[in-house]
Amino acid sequence: MDPNQKVIYSLIERFAKMPQREEKPAGFLIEALGVQEKEVISLVGAGGKTTLMFRLAKELVLSGKRVVTTTTTKIFEPTLKETNFIFIDPEEEKIKDFVRTHLDQYHHITVAQGRIEPRKLTGISPNLVEELRGLPGVDIIIVEADGAAGRTIKAPREWEPVIPPHTTLVVAILGVDGIEMELNEENVFQPERVSKMTGILIGERITDEGMAILMTHPEGLFKGAPSSSRVVAFLNKVDIPEGVKMGKGISQKIFEKRHRQIERIVLGQLKKESPVAEVIFIS
């Protein structure tokens, strides 16, 4: 096999070959993303970050992990179906004390330092993320590290993403439904930045090449990822018509750009019961 050829296989097929068990295989997202022990996971991009955060947290809790979810920017306040407890306090010491004394009880706690607007929370500092990571009993921290105002495509603003320096895994997400969308304010967060980065003019259609550039450009979604971190591209919404085909097309473009850190590309469908369609390993 050509050593530069990408290796593609379906996790669904992989699970189908496993011995049959009564329960479904645990950790579908856990395995797809390659989650390891004592991770700090930062999520960036557009098109499903918050959904990914809470679905992954649920899997981790079901696998016996104790999880803290938070943001370094802003997030919509989760429901009690998404998290077991929300703790909000402007004082960092109180947040640490609460996590230290209650994580064993709740298994999954979402923390923030304030509430703004209806149902929106302000995040914590990257330094506090590191301090929480050092607390006994904290297995995994998941951080939403930038915003996208509900759009499916974005480019980071000057000060984004806010990735804690001790992040071990960065996951960048885009929605494949962005292909063929018109590049404008309605569809895209920071369309002028997307245009400058990709060469697609305002009003033109977004291409798979443009999506790959957003994933791999030095000023793109992985901007600021620690050099020691693993990085995963997550292409969401492949359950739309032709979605898997579009996801594979973007994946091929990403592969051709030879990003030095991307180790795998996940084709996701976070609104489905099975949140992963395929995983593409780059070897």
Foldseek 3Di string as FASTA:
>chain_A
DPLQDWDWDWVVVVQVPDPDDPDRDADLVCVLQVPDWLAEEEEWWADARVLVVQVNLVSCVVVPAQEEEWEQAKDFADDCVRAVEEEEAQDLVVVLVCCLPPSVPRSYYYYAHADDDPRMGGTDALVSVVVSSPRPRHIYYYYHFDDWPNAQGEFDDPPDRRDRQRGAEYEYEGELVQFQDAQDPVHYRPSVVLCVQQVADHRGGDHLLSVLSLVAPCRHTCPPPHPNHAYEYEHEDLVDVCSVVSQVSSVVSNSVVPRPHYAKYWDAYSVDPSTTGIIIGRD
